[in-house]
Amino acid sequence: MKKVVVNKRLILAEIEHILGRIELSVETKRQLNAIVTQEKVKKHDLILKPGEVCDFLGVVQKGIIQVFHYKDKKLISDYFATEGYGFFDIESFFTGKPSYATIEALEPTVYVKIDRKKFLELCDKNEELNSVYQKILEFALILCHDRLDSVLNDSAEDKYENLEKRIPGLTSRISAINVASYIGVTQETLCRIKSKQEDFLLF
């Protein structure tokens, strides 16, 4: 990974946006500045590998990130993040245990990286950042709930539509394999779903 020159005002604005548009004091921003870096990765670079601890919170500035795992040698896409979206392995981040997941860049990607240990140390001392941490917890819980609810209750067509609504244009930027693995269908079934969607838009 290559560290690049950062515009820290822009980074902090994006962090505030992703964490619920929280307005932070000048001093809190200064403290957060000290633990923020900007990383640049190539397409297919792995940001996190299975067995590693997710010791950061990321926010995509440019590109696409995929969080995924394998079950019985089958690819399962858990989450996608594009510009303005945060990403991390939830279980590993909160427990400090090695991850079962992989985080990969699906395009050349630039992202903001917040160090987990330093961030949690600041949260213990700074009430504003502790509130931010609570927002992250809420985000993670809602994300897990929505994903589980979708897996259990939504049809493949609904999952496809919801993915397009959450991140418009995503399905045209990533491979059919990744889309199919997210909604839990074969690539042939995905083709039929996309064909139905295109036919619907014609009327």
N, C-alpha and C. Protein backbone atom coordinates (compact mmCIF):
# COMPACT_ATOMS: atom_id res chain seq x y z
N MET A 1 0.83 -1.18 0.00
CA MET A 1 0.00 0.00 0.00
C MET A 1 0.87 1.25 0.00
N LYS A 2 0.45 2.26 -0.71
CA LYS A 2 1.23 3.48 -0.82
C LYS A 2 0.53 4.62 -0.11
N LYS A 3 1.24 5.27 0.81
CA LYS A 3 0.69 6.45 1.47
C LYS A 3 0.83 7.63 0.52
N VAL A 4 -0.23 8.44 0.46
CA VAL A 4 -0.21 9.58 -0.45
C VAL A 4 -0.42 10.86 0.34
N VAL A 5 -0.13 11.98 -0.31
CA VAL A 5 -0.32 13.27 0.34
C VAL A 5 -1.79 13.48 0.64
N VAL A 6 -2.09 13.98 1.84
CA VAL A 6 -3.48 14.05 2.27
C VAL A 6 -3.96 15.49 2.39
N ASN A 7 -5.24 15.66 2.14
CA ASN A 7 -5.94 16.90 2.47
C ASN A 7 -6.74 16.58 3.72
N LYS A 8 -6.20 16.88 4.90
CA LYS A 8 -6.81 16.42 6.13
C LYS A 8 -8.15 17.09 6.42
N ARG A 9 -8.34 18.30 5.92
CA ARG A 9 -9.65 18.93 6.11
C ARG A 9 -10.72 18.14 5.36
N LEU A 10 -10.38 17.71 4.15
CA LEU A 10 -11.32 16.90 3.36
C LEU A 10 -11.58 15.57 4.05
N ILE A 11 -10.51 14.94 4.55
CA ILE A 11 -10.65 13.66 5.24
C ILE A 11 -11.58 13.78 6.42
N LEU A 12 -11.37 14.78 7.25
CA LEU A 12 -12.21 14.95 8.44
C LEU A 12 -13.66 15.23 8.07
N ALA A 13 -13.87 15.97 6.99
CA ALA A 13 -15.24 16.23 6.54
C ALA A 13 -15.92 14.93 6.14
N GLU A 14 -15.17 14.04 5.48
CA GLU A 14 -15.74 12.75 5.08
C GLU A 14 -16.01 11.87 6.28
N ILE A 15 -15.11 11.89 7.26
CA ILE A 15 -15.32 11.11 8.48
C ILE A 15 -16.58 11.58 9.20
N GLU A 16 -16.72 12.89 9.33
CA GLU A 16 -17.91 13.43 9.98
C GLU A 16 -19.17 13.03 9.23
N HIS A 17 -19.09 13.04 7.90
CA HIS A 17 -20.26 12.68 7.09
C HIS A 17 -20.64 11.21 7.29
N ILE A 18 -19.64 10.34 7.24
CA ILE A 18 -19.94 8.91 7.34
C ILE A 18 -20.42 8.53 8.72
N LEU A 19 -20.03 9.29 9.73
CA LEU A 19 -20.45 8.99 11.10
C LEU A 19 -21.69 9.77 11.51
N GLY A 20 -22.45 10.20 10.54
CA GLY A 20 -23.73 10.82 10.86
C GLY A 20 -23.69 12.33 10.87
N ARG A 21 -22.77 12.92 10.13
CA ARG A 21 -22.65 14.38 10.05
C ARG A 21 -22.48 15.00 11.43
N ILE A 22 -21.66 14.38 12.24
CA ILE A 22 -21.36 14.90 13.57
C ILE A 22 -20.38 16.06 13.43
N GLU A 23 -20.72 17.19 14.04
CA GLU A 23 -19.82 18.33 14.04
C GLU A 23 -18.91 18.22 15.25
N LEU A 24 -17.62 18.16 15.00
CA LEU A 24 -16.64 18.00 16.07
C LEU A 24 -15.95 19.33 16.37
N SER A 25 -15.52 19.47 17.62
CA SER A 25 -14.81 20.68 18.02
C SER A 25 -13.44 20.72 17.36
N VAL A 26 -12.82 21.90 17.36
CA VAL A 26 -11.50 22.07 16.76
C VAL A 26 -10.49 21.16 17.43
N GLU A 27 -10.52 21.06 18.77
CA GLU A 27 -9.57 20.23 19.50
C GLU A 27 -9.76 18.75 19.18
N THR A 28 -11.01 18.32 19.08
CA THR A 28 -11.28 16.92 18.75
C THR A 28 -10.80 16.61 17.33
N LYS A 29 -11.01 17.53 16.42
CA LYS A 29 -10.52 17.35 15.05
C LYS A 29 -8.99 17.24 15.03
N ARG A 30 -8.33 18.05 15.85
CA ARG A 30 -6.87 18.00 15.92
C ARG A 30 -6.40 16.64 16.40
N GLN A 31 -7.07 16.12 17.42
CA GLN A 31 -6.71 14.81 17.96
C GLN A 31 -6.97 13.70 16.93
N LEU A 32 -8.08 13.81 16.22
CA LEU A 32 -8.41 12.81 15.20
C LEU A 32 -7.43 12.88 14.04
N ASN A 33 -7.03 14.10 13.71
CA ASN A 33 -6.06 14.31 12.64
C ASN A 33 -4.79 13.49 12.85
N ALA A 34 -4.38 13.38 14.11
CA ALA A 34 -3.11 12.74 14.44
C ALA A 34 -3.11 11.24 14.18
N ILE A 35 -4.28 10.63 14.07
CA ILE A 35 -4.35 9.17 13.89
C ILE A 35 -4.93 8.78 12.54
N VAL A 36 -5.10 9.76 11.67
CA VAL A 36 -5.68 9.52 10.35
C VAL A 36 -4.59 9.49 9.28
N THR A 37 -4.67 8.51 8.40
CA THR A 37 -3.80 8.47 7.22
C THR A 37 -4.66 8.24 5.99
N GLN A 38 -4.08 8.43 4.85
CA GLN A 38 -4.77 8.16 3.60
C GLN A 38 -3.97 7.11 2.84
N GLU A 39 -4.64 6.07 2.38
CA GLU A 39 -3.97 4.94 1.71
C GLU A 39 -4.46 4.82 0.27
N LYS A 40 -3.55 4.40 -0.60
CA LYS A 40 -3.86 4.19 -2.00
C LYS A 40 -3.51 2.77 -2.38
N VAL A 41 -4.48 2.02 -2.92
CA VAL A 41 -4.25 0.62 -3.29
C VAL A 41 -4.68 0.38 -4.73
N LYS A 42 -4.09 -0.66 -5.33
CA LYS A 42 -4.42 -1.02 -6.70
C LYS A 42 -5.62 -1.97 -6.73
N LYS A 43 -6.18 -2.14 -7.91
CA LYS A 43 -7.27 -3.10 -8.09
C LYS A 43 -6.79 -4.50 -7.70
N HIS A 44 -7.61 -5.19 -6.91
CA HIS A 44 -7.37 -6.55 -6.41
C HIS A 44 -6.37 -6.60 -5.25
N ASP A 45 -5.85 -5.46 -4.81
CA ASP A 45 -5.02 -5.46 -3.60
C ASP A 45 -5.88 -5.87 -2.40
N LEU A 46 -5.29 -6.66 -1.49
CA LEU A 46 -5.99 -7.08 -0.28
C LEU A 46 -5.64 -6.13 0.86
N ILE A 47 -6.64 -5.50 1.43
CA ILE A 47 -6.47 -4.58 2.55
C ILE A 47 -6.47 -5.35 3.87
N LEU A 48 -7.22 -6.43 3.91
CA LEU A 48 -7.26 -7.30 5.09
C LEU A 48 -7.32 -8.75 4.61
N LYS A 49 -6.50 -9.63 5.22
CA LYS A 49 -6.50 -11.04 4.89
C LYS A 49 -7.04 -11.86 6.06
N PRO A 50 -7.62 -13.03 5.80
CA PRO A 50 -8.05 -13.91 6.90
C PRO A 50 -6.88 -14.20 7.84
N GLY A 51 -7.15 -14.15 9.13
CA GLY A 51 -6.10 -14.38 10.12
C GLY A 51 -5.47 -13.11 10.65
N GLU A 52 -5.70 -11.98 9.94
CA GLU A 52 -5.21 -10.69 10.42
C GLU A 52 -6.29 -10.01 11.26
N VAL A 53 -5.87 -9.15 12.17
CA VAL A 53 -6.81 -8.39 12.98
C VAL A 53 -7.16 -7.10 12.23
N CYS A 54 -8.45 -6.79 12.18
CA CYS A 54 -8.88 -5.54 11.55
C CYS A 54 -8.64 -4.41 12.56
N ASP A 55 -7.51 -3.75 12.41
CA ASP A 55 -7.10 -2.73 13.38
C ASP A 55 -7.34 -1.32 12.86
N PHE A 56 -8.35 -1.16 12.01
CA PHE A 56 -8.63 0.15 11.43
C PHE A 56 -10.11 0.26 11.04
N LEU A 57 -10.52 1.50 10.88
CA LEU A 57 -11.80 1.84 10.27
C LEU A 57 -11.48 2.59 9.00
N GLY A 58 -12.06 2.17 7.87
CA GLY A 58 -11.78 2.81 6.60
C GLY A 58 -12.97 3.59 6.07
N VAL A 59 -12.69 4.64 5.30
CA VAL A 59 -13.72 5.40 4.60
C VAL A 59 -13.24 5.60 3.17
N VAL A 60 -14.01 5.12 2.19
CA VAL A 60 -13.61 5.19 0.79
C VAL A 60 -13.74 6.62 0.27
N GLN A 61 -12.66 7.12 -0.32
CA GLN A 61 -12.70 8.41 -1.00
C GLN A 61 -12.92 8.23 -2.50
N LYS A 62 -12.28 7.20 -3.05
CA LYS A 62 -12.43 6.91 -4.47
C LYS A 62 -12.22 5.42 -4.67
N GLY A 63 -13.15 4.77 -5.40
CA GLY A 63 -13.00 3.34 -5.68
C GLY A 63 -14.08 2.49 -5.06
N ILE A 64 -13.83 1.18 -5.00
CA ILE A 64 -14.79 0.22 -4.46
C ILE A 64 -14.06 -0.79 -3.59
N ILE A 65 -14.63 -1.06 -2.45
CA ILE A 65 -14.11 -2.06 -1.52
C ILE A 65 -15.14 -3.18 -1.37
N GLN A 66 -14.68 -4.42 -1.30
CA GLN A 66 -15.55 -5.56 -1.02
C GLN A 66 -15.06 -6.28 0.23
N VAL A 67 -16.00 -6.56 1.14
CA VAL A 67 -15.73 -7.41 2.30
C VAL A 67 -16.38 -8.76 2.01
N PHE A 68 -15.61 -9.85 2.09
CA PHE A 68 -16.17 -11.16 1.75
C PHE A 68 -15.50 -12.26 2.54
N HIS A 69 -16.10 -13.44 2.50
CA HIS A 69 -15.51 -14.62 3.12
C HIS A 69 -15.85 -15.84 2.27
N TYR A 70 -15.26 -16.96 2.59
CA TYR A 70 -15.55 -18.20 1.88
C TYR A 70 -16.26 -19.18 2.83
N LYS A 71 -17.27 -19.84 2.30
CA LYS A 71 -17.95 -20.90 3.04
C LYS A 71 -18.00 -22.12 2.15
N ASP A 72 -17.39 -23.23 2.60
CA ASP A 72 -17.31 -24.44 1.78
C ASP A 72 -16.73 -24.13 0.41
N LYS A 73 -15.68 -23.29 0.41
CA LYS A 73 -14.95 -22.89 -0.79
C LYS A 73 -15.80 -22.02 -1.74
N LYS A 74 -16.92 -21.52 -1.24
CA LYS A 74 -17.79 -20.67 -2.04
C LYS A 74 -17.66 -19.22 -1.59
N LEU A 75 -17.47 -18.33 -2.56
CA LEU A 75 -17.34 -16.90 -2.26
C LEU A 75 -18.67 -16.32 -1.79
N ILE A 76 -18.65 -15.65 -0.64
CA ILE A 76 -19.83 -14.96 -0.10
C ILE A 76 -19.47 -13.50 0.08
N SER A 77 -20.08 -12.62 -0.71
CA SER A 77 -19.85 -11.18 -0.56
C SER A 77 -20.73 -10.65 0.56
N ASP A 78 -20.11 -10.00 1.54
CA ASP A 78 -20.85 -9.49 2.70
C ASP A 78 -21.24 -8.03 2.56
N TYR A 79 -20.37 -7.25 1.93
CA TYR A 79 -20.59 -5.80 1.96
C TYR A 79 -19.74 -5.13 0.89
N PHE A 80 -20.30 -4.07 0.29
CA PHE A 80 -19.55 -3.25 -0.65
C PHE A 80 -19.53 -1.81 -0.15
N ALA A 81 -18.42 -1.14 -0.36
CA ALA A 81 -18.31 0.28 0.01
C ALA A 81 -17.74 1.05 -1.17
N THR A 82 -18.41 2.15 -1.52
CA THR A 82 -17.91 3.04 -2.56
C THR A 82 -17.69 4.42 -1.94
N GLU A 83 -17.55 5.42 -2.78
CA GLU A 83 -17.21 6.76 -2.32
C GLU A 83 -18.14 7.25 -1.19
N GLY A 84 -17.53 7.62 -0.06
CA GLY A 84 -18.28 8.14 1.07
C GLY A 84 -18.77 7.10 2.05
N TYR A 85 -18.53 5.81 1.76
CA TYR A 85 -18.98 4.73 2.65
C TYR A 85 -17.83 4.22 3.50
N GLY A 86 -18.14 3.85 4.75
CA GLY A 86 -17.15 3.26 5.65
C GLY A 86 -17.08 1.76 5.48
N PHE A 87 -15.97 1.16 5.90
CA PHE A 87 -15.83 -0.29 5.84
C PHE A 87 -14.85 -0.77 6.90
N PHE A 88 -15.08 -1.99 7.38
CA PHE A 88 -14.20 -2.69 8.31
C PHE A 88 -14.79 -4.06 8.54
N ASP A 89 -14.01 -4.97 9.13
CA ASP A 89 -14.57 -6.25 9.53
C ASP A 89 -15.13 -6.08 10.93
N ILE A 90 -16.44 -6.14 11.05
CA ILE A 90 -17.11 -5.76 12.29
C ILE A 90 -16.64 -6.59 13.48
N GLU A 91 -16.66 -7.92 13.35
CA GLU A 91 -16.31 -8.77 14.49
C GLU A 91 -14.86 -8.58 14.93
N SER A 92 -13.96 -8.55 13.98
CA SER A 92 -12.55 -8.41 14.31
C SER A 92 -12.25 -7.04 14.91
N PHE A 93 -12.87 -6.01 14.37
CA PHE A 93 -12.65 -4.65 14.86
C PHE A 93 -13.05 -4.51 16.32
N PHE A 94 -14.21 -5.04 16.66
CA PHE A 94 -14.72 -4.86 18.03
C PHE A 94 -14.10 -5.84 19.03
N THR A 95 -13.72 -7.03 18.59
CA THR A 95 -13.18 -8.03 19.52
C THR A 95 -11.66 -8.03 19.56
N GLY A 96 -11.02 -7.53 18.50
CA GLY A 96 -9.57 -7.59 18.42
C GLY A 96 -9.05 -8.96 18.04
N LYS A 97 -9.95 -9.86 17.63
CA LYS A 97 -9.55 -11.21 17.24
C LYS A 97 -9.27 -11.28 15.74
N PRO A 98 -8.49 -12.29 15.31
CA PRO A 98 -8.22 -12.44 13.88
C PRO A 98 -9.50 -12.56 13.06
N SER A 99 -9.45 -12.00 11.87
CA SER A 99 -10.63 -11.96 11.00
C SER A 99 -10.78 -13.23 10.18
N TYR A 100 -12.03 -13.59 9.90
CA TYR A 100 -12.32 -14.66 8.95
C TYR A 100 -12.55 -14.07 7.56
N ALA A 101 -12.68 -12.76 7.50
CA ALA A 101 -13.04 -12.08 6.26
C ALA A 101 -11.82 -11.58 5.50
N THR A 102 -12.08 -11.23 4.25
CA THR A 102 -11.09 -10.59 3.39
C THR A 102 -11.66 -9.26 2.93
N ILE A 103 -10.81 -8.24 2.88
CA ILE A 103 -11.23 -6.95 2.34
C ILE A 103 -10.35 -6.66 1.13
N GLU A 104 -11.00 -6.47 -0.02
CA GLU A 104 -10.29 -6.32 -1.29
C GLU A 104 -10.76 -5.08 -2.04
N ALA A 105 -9.83 -4.44 -2.73
CA ALA A 105 -10.18 -3.32 -3.60
C ALA A 105 -10.61 -3.87 -4.96
N LEU A 106 -11.80 -3.51 -5.40
CA LEU A 106 -12.29 -3.96 -6.70
C LEU A 106 -11.97 -2.98 -7.81
N GLU A 107 -11.50 -1.81 -7.43
CA GLU A 107 -11.00 -0.80 -8.36
C GLU A 107 -9.76 -0.17 -7.71
N PRO A 108 -8.94 0.56 -8.48
CA PRO A 108 -7.92 1.38 -7.82
C PRO A 108 -8.62 2.28 -6.80
N THR A 109 -8.18 2.24 -5.57
CA THR A 109 -8.95 2.84 -4.48
C THR A 109 -8.08 3.71 -3.57
N VAL A 110 -8.65 4.84 -3.16
CA VAL A 110 -8.05 5.70 -2.14
C VAL A 110 -9.01 5.72 -0.96
N TYR A 111 -8.49 5.48 0.23
CA TYR A 111 -9.36 5.48 1.40
C TYR A 111 -8.68 6.09 2.62
N VAL A 112 -9.51 6.59 3.51
CA VAL A 112 -9.06 7.13 4.78
C VAL A 112 -8.96 5.99 5.78
N LYS A 113 -7.87 5.94 6.54
CA LYS A 113 -7.65 4.87 7.51
C LYS A 113 -7.50 5.46 8.91
N ILE A 114 -8.35 5.00 9.84
CA ILE A 114 -8.29 5.44 11.23
C ILE A 114 -7.79 4.28 12.08
N ASP A 115 -6.70 4.49 12.78
CA ASP A 115 -6.09 3.45 13.60
C ASP A 115 -7.00 3.06 14.77
N ARG A 116 -7.32 1.78 14.89
CA ARG A 116 -8.27 1.30 15.90
C ARG A 116 -7.79 1.57 17.33
N LYS A 117 -6.57 1.15 17.64
CA LYS A 117 -6.06 1.28 19.01
C LYS A 117 -6.00 2.74 19.45
N LYS A 118 -5.45 3.58 18.60
CA LYS A 118 -5.33 4.99 18.93
C LYS A 118 -6.70 5.65 19.03
N PHE A 119 -7.62 5.21 18.16
CA PHE A 119 -8.97 5.77 18.20
C PHE A 119 -9.68 5.42 19.51
N LEU A 120 -9.57 4.15 19.93
CA LEU A 120 -10.21 3.74 21.17
C LEU A 120 -9.58 4.41 22.38
N GLU A 121 -8.27 4.65 22.32
CA GLU A 121 -7.61 5.37 23.41
C GLU A 121 -8.13 6.80 23.51
N LEU A 122 -8.34 7.43 22.35
CA LEU A 122 -8.90 8.78 22.35
C LEU A 122 -10.34 8.79 22.87
N CYS A 123 -11.10 7.75 22.52
CA CYS A 123 -12.49 7.66 22.96
C CYS A 123 -12.59 7.62 24.49
N ASP A 124 -11.61 6.99 25.14
CA ASP A 124 -11.61 6.91 26.60
C ASP A 124 -11.41 8.29 27.24
N LYS A 125 -10.77 9.19 26.50
CA LYS A 125 -10.44 10.51 27.06
C LYS A 125 -11.34 11.62 26.54
N ASN A 126 -11.94 11.39 25.39
CA ASN A 126 -12.69 12.45 24.71
C ASN A 126 -14.15 12.05 24.56
N GLU A 127 -15.03 12.81 25.20
CA GLU A 127 -16.46 12.46 25.19
C GLU A 127 -17.06 12.57 23.79
N GLU A 128 -16.60 13.55 23.02
CA GLU A 128 -17.11 13.69 21.65
C GLU A 128 -16.80 12.44 20.82
N LEU A 129 -15.56 11.98 20.92
CA LEU A 129 -15.18 10.80 20.14
C LEU A 129 -15.83 9.55 20.69
N ASN A 130 -16.11 9.53 21.98
CA ASN A 130 -16.84 8.39 22.54
C ASN A 130 -18.24 8.33 21.93
N SER A 131 -18.84 9.49 21.69
CA SER A 131 -20.15 9.53 21.02
C SER A 131 -20.03 9.02 19.59
N VAL A 132 -18.91 9.35 18.94
CA VAL A 132 -18.65 8.86 17.59
C VAL A 132 -18.58 7.33 17.61
N TYR A 133 -17.89 6.80 18.62
CA TYR A 133 -17.76 5.34 18.74
C TYR A 133 -19.13 4.69 18.91
N GLN A 134 -20.01 5.33 19.68
CA GLN A 134 -21.36 4.81 19.83
C GLN A 134 -22.09 4.80 18.49
N LYS A 135 -21.84 5.83 17.67
CA LYS A 135 -22.43 5.87 16.34
C LYS A 135 -21.93 4.71 15.47
N ILE A 136 -20.65 4.39 15.62
CA ILE A 136 -20.09 3.27 14.87
C ILE A 136 -20.76 1.97 15.30
N LEU A 137 -20.95 1.80 16.61
CA LEU A 137 -21.63 0.61 17.13
C LEU A 137 -23.04 0.50 16.56
N GLU A 138 -23.75 1.62 16.56
CA GLU A 138 -25.11 1.62 16.01
C GLU A 138 -25.09 1.25 14.53
N PHE A 139 -24.15 1.84 13.80
CA PHE A 139 -24.02 1.55 12.37
C PHE A 139 -23.77 0.06 12.14
N ALA A 140 -22.87 -0.52 12.93
CA ALA A 140 -22.53 -1.93 12.77
C ALA A 140 -23.72 -2.83 13.07
N LEU A 141 -24.46 -2.52 14.14
CA LEU A 141 -25.62 -3.32 14.51
C LEU A 141 -26.70 -3.26 13.44
N ILE A 142 -26.96 -2.07 12.94
CA ILE A 142 -27.97 -1.90 11.90
C ILE A 142 -27.55 -2.62 10.63
N LEU A 143 -26.27 -2.51 10.29
CA LEU A 143 -25.75 -3.18 9.10
C LEU A 143 -25.93 -4.69 9.20
N CYS A 144 -25.57 -5.27 10.35
CA CYS A 144 -25.71 -6.72 10.54
C CYS A 144 -27.17 -7.14 10.50
N HIS A 145 -28.02 -6.36 11.16
CA HIS A 145 -29.45 -6.68 11.19
C HIS A 145 -30.06 -6.65 9.79
N ASP A 146 -29.75 -5.59 9.05
CA ASP A 146 -30.32 -5.44 7.71
C ASP A 146 -29.84 -6.55 6.77
N ARG A 147 -28.57 -6.90 6.89
CA ARG A 147 -28.02 -7.96 6.03
C ARG A 147 -28.67 -9.30 6.36
N LEU A 148 -28.81 -9.62 7.64
CA LEU A 148 -29.43 -10.87 8.06
C LEU A 148 -30.89 -10.91 7.64
N ASP A 149 -31.58 -9.81 7.84
CA ASP A 149 -32.99 -9.73 7.46
C ASP A 149 -33.16 -9.95 5.96
N SER A 150 -32.26 -9.37 5.18
CA SER A 150 -32.33 -9.52 3.73
C SER A 150 -32.07 -10.96 3.31
N VAL A 151 -31.06 -11.59 3.92
CA VAL A 151 -30.73 -12.99 3.60
C VAL A 151 -31.90 -13.91 3.89
N LEU A 152 -32.59 -13.66 5.01
CA LEU A 152 -33.67 -14.55 5.44
C LEU A 152 -34.99 -14.30 4.72
N ASN A 153 -35.24 -13.04 4.32
CA ASN A 153 -36.58 -12.70 3.88
C ASN A 153 -36.71 -12.19 2.44
N ASP A 154 -35.66 -11.64 1.88
CA ASP A 154 -35.77 -11.03 0.56
C ASP A 154 -35.55 -12.05 -0.56
N SER A 155 -36.27 -11.84 -1.64
CA SER A 155 -36.01 -12.64 -2.84
C SER A 155 -34.72 -12.15 -3.49
N ALA A 156 -34.22 -12.93 -4.43
CA ALA A 156 -33.01 -12.52 -5.14
C ALA A 156 -33.24 -11.20 -5.88
N GLU A 157 -34.45 -11.05 -6.43
CA GLU A 157 -34.78 -9.81 -7.13
C GLU A 157 -34.75 -8.62 -6.18
N ASP A 158 -35.30 -8.82 -4.97
CA ASP A 158 -35.31 -7.74 -3.97
C ASP A 158 -33.88 -7.36 -3.56
N LYS A 159 -33.03 -8.37 -3.37
CA LYS A 159 -31.64 -8.11 -2.97
C LYS A 159 -30.92 -7.31 -4.05
N TYR A 160 -31.18 -7.65 -5.29
CA TYR A 160 -30.55 -6.93 -6.39
C TYR A 160 -31.02 -5.47 -6.42
N GLU A 161 -32.32 -5.28 -6.30
CA GLU A 161 -32.88 -3.93 -6.31
C GLU A 161 -32.37 -3.12 -5.13
N ASN A 162 -32.31 -3.72 -3.96
CA ASN A 162 -31.85 -3.01 -2.77
C ASN A 162 -30.38 -2.61 -2.89
N LEU A 163 -29.58 -3.48 -3.50
CA LEU A 163 -28.17 -3.17 -3.70
C LEU A 163 -28.03 -1.98 -4.63
N GLU A 164 -28.83 -1.94 -5.68
CA GLU A 164 -28.79 -0.83 -6.62
C GLU A 164 -29.28 0.47 -5.97
N LYS A 165 -30.27 0.35 -5.09
CA LYS A 165 -30.78 1.55 -4.41
C LYS A 165 -29.75 2.10 -3.41
N ARG A 166 -29.08 1.18 -2.69
CA ARG A 166 -28.11 1.63 -1.69
C ARG A 166 -26.90 2.26 -2.33
N ILE A 167 -26.41 1.65 -3.41
CA ILE A 167 -25.25 2.21 -4.12
C ILE A 167 -25.58 2.24 -5.61
N PRO A 168 -26.24 3.29 -6.09
CA PRO A 168 -26.61 3.37 -7.50
C PRO A 168 -25.41 3.20 -8.43
N GLY A 169 -25.59 2.35 -9.44
CA GLY A 169 -24.53 2.14 -10.43
C GLY A 169 -23.50 1.11 -10.03
N LEU A 170 -23.58 0.56 -8.81
CA LEU A 170 -22.57 -0.38 -8.35
C LEU A 170 -22.51 -1.62 -9.23
N THR A 171 -23.66 -2.17 -9.60
CA THR A 171 -23.68 -3.44 -10.32
C THR A 171 -23.05 -3.34 -11.71
N SER A 172 -22.91 -2.11 -12.22
CA SER A 172 -22.25 -1.94 -13.51
C SER A 172 -20.74 -1.74 -13.34
N ARG A 173 -20.30 -1.55 -12.09
CA ARG A 173 -18.87 -1.30 -11.83
C ARG A 173 -18.14 -2.55 -11.33
N ILE A 174 -18.87 -3.56 -10.89
CA ILE A 174 -18.25 -4.76 -10.36
C ILE A 174 -18.65 -5.97 -11.20
N SER A 175 -17.94 -7.07 -11.02
CA SER A 175 -18.18 -8.25 -11.84
C SER A 175 -19.49 -8.95 -11.46
N ALA A 176 -20.01 -9.71 -12.41
CA ALA A 176 -21.23 -10.49 -12.17
C ALA A 176 -21.00 -11.51 -11.05
N ILE A 177 -19.78 -12.01 -10.94
CA ILE A 177 -19.47 -12.98 -9.89
C ILE A 177 -19.70 -12.37 -8.51
N ASN A 178 -19.24 -11.12 -8.33
CA ASN A 178 -19.39 -10.47 -7.04
C ASN A 178 -20.85 -10.12 -6.73
N VAL A 179 -21.57 -9.68 -7.75
CA VAL A 179 -22.99 -9.36 -7.54
C VAL A 179 -23.76 -10.63 -7.19
N ALA A 180 -23.51 -11.70 -7.95
CA ALA A 180 -24.21 -12.97 -7.72
C ALA A 180 -23.90 -13.52 -6.33
N SER A 181 -22.65 -13.39 -5.89
CA SER A 181 -22.28 -13.92 -4.58
C SER A 181 -22.93 -13.13 -3.45
N TYR A 182 -23.23 -11.86 -3.69
CA TYR A 182 -23.88 -11.03 -2.67
C TYR A 182 -25.35 -11.39 -2.52
N ILE A 183 -26.03 -11.61 -3.65
CA ILE A 183 -27.46 -11.90 -3.55
C ILE A 183 -27.75 -13.40 -3.45
N GLY A 184 -26.70 -14.22 -3.57
CA GLY A 184 -26.84 -15.65 -3.31
C GLY A 184 -27.45 -16.44 -4.45
N VAL A 185 -27.05 -16.10 -5.69
CA VAL A 185 -27.57 -16.83 -6.85
C VAL A 185 -26.41 -17.17 -7.78
N THR A 186 -26.70 -17.99 -8.80
CA THR A 186 -25.71 -18.28 -9.83
C THR A 186 -25.65 -17.10 -10.79
N GLN A 187 -24.60 -17.07 -11.60
CA GLN A 187 -24.49 -16.00 -12.58
C GLN A 187 -25.59 -16.08 -13.64
N GLU A 188 -26.04 -17.30 -13.93
CA GLU A 188 -27.13 -17.47 -14.90
C GLU A 188 -28.42 -16.85 -14.36
N THR A 189 -28.69 -17.09 -13.07
CA THR A 189 -29.89 -16.50 -12.45
C THR A 189 -29.77 -14.99 -12.41
N LEU A 190 -28.58 -14.49 -12.13
CA LEU A 190 -28.36 -13.04 -12.11
C LEU A 190 -28.66 -12.43 -13.48
N CYS A 191 -28.25 -13.10 -14.53
CA CYS A 191 -28.53 -12.61 -15.89
C CYS A 191 -30.03 -12.49 -16.14
N ARG A 192 -30.79 -13.48 -15.64
CA ARG A 192 -32.25 -13.42 -15.81
C ARG A 192 -32.84 -12.27 -15.01
N ILE A 193 -32.33 -12.04 -13.81
CA ILE A 193 -32.82 -10.94 -12.97
C ILE A 193 -32.55 -9.60 -13.65
N LYS A 194 -31.32 -9.43 -14.17
CA LYS A 194 -30.96 -8.18 -14.83
C LYS A 194 -31.79 -7.99 -16.09
N SER A 195 -32.08 -9.08 -16.80
CA SER A 195 -32.90 -8.98 -18.01
C SER A 195 -34.30 -8.52 -17.68
N LYS A 196 -34.86 -9.04 -16.58
CA LYS A 196 -36.19 -8.63 -16.13
C LYS A 196 -36.21 -7.15 -15.77
N GLN A 197 -35.15 -6.71 -15.08
CA GLN A 197 -35.05 -5.31 -14.68
C GLN A 197 -35.00 -4.41 -15.92
N GLU A 198 -34.23 -4.79 -16.92
CA GLU A 198 -34.11 -4.01 -18.13
C GLU A 198 -35.43 -3.98 -18.89
N ASP A 199 -36.14 -5.13 -18.94
CA ASP A 199 -37.44 -5.16 -19.60
C ASP A 199 -38.43 -4.26 -18.91
N PHE A 200 -38.38 -4.24 -17.56
CA PHE A 200 -39.29 -3.41 -16.77
C PHE A 200 -39.06 -1.93 -17.06
N LEU A 201 -37.80 -1.54 -17.21
CA LEU A 201 -37.47 -0.13 -17.44
C LEU A 201 -37.91 0.36 -18.81
N LEU A 202 -38.17 -0.59 -19.74
CA LEU A 202 -38.59 -0.21 -21.08
C LEU A 202 -40.05 0.25 -21.11
N PHE A 203 -40.81 -0.07 -20.06
CA PHE A 203 -42.25 0.25 -20.07
C PHE A 203 -42.56 1.40 -19.12
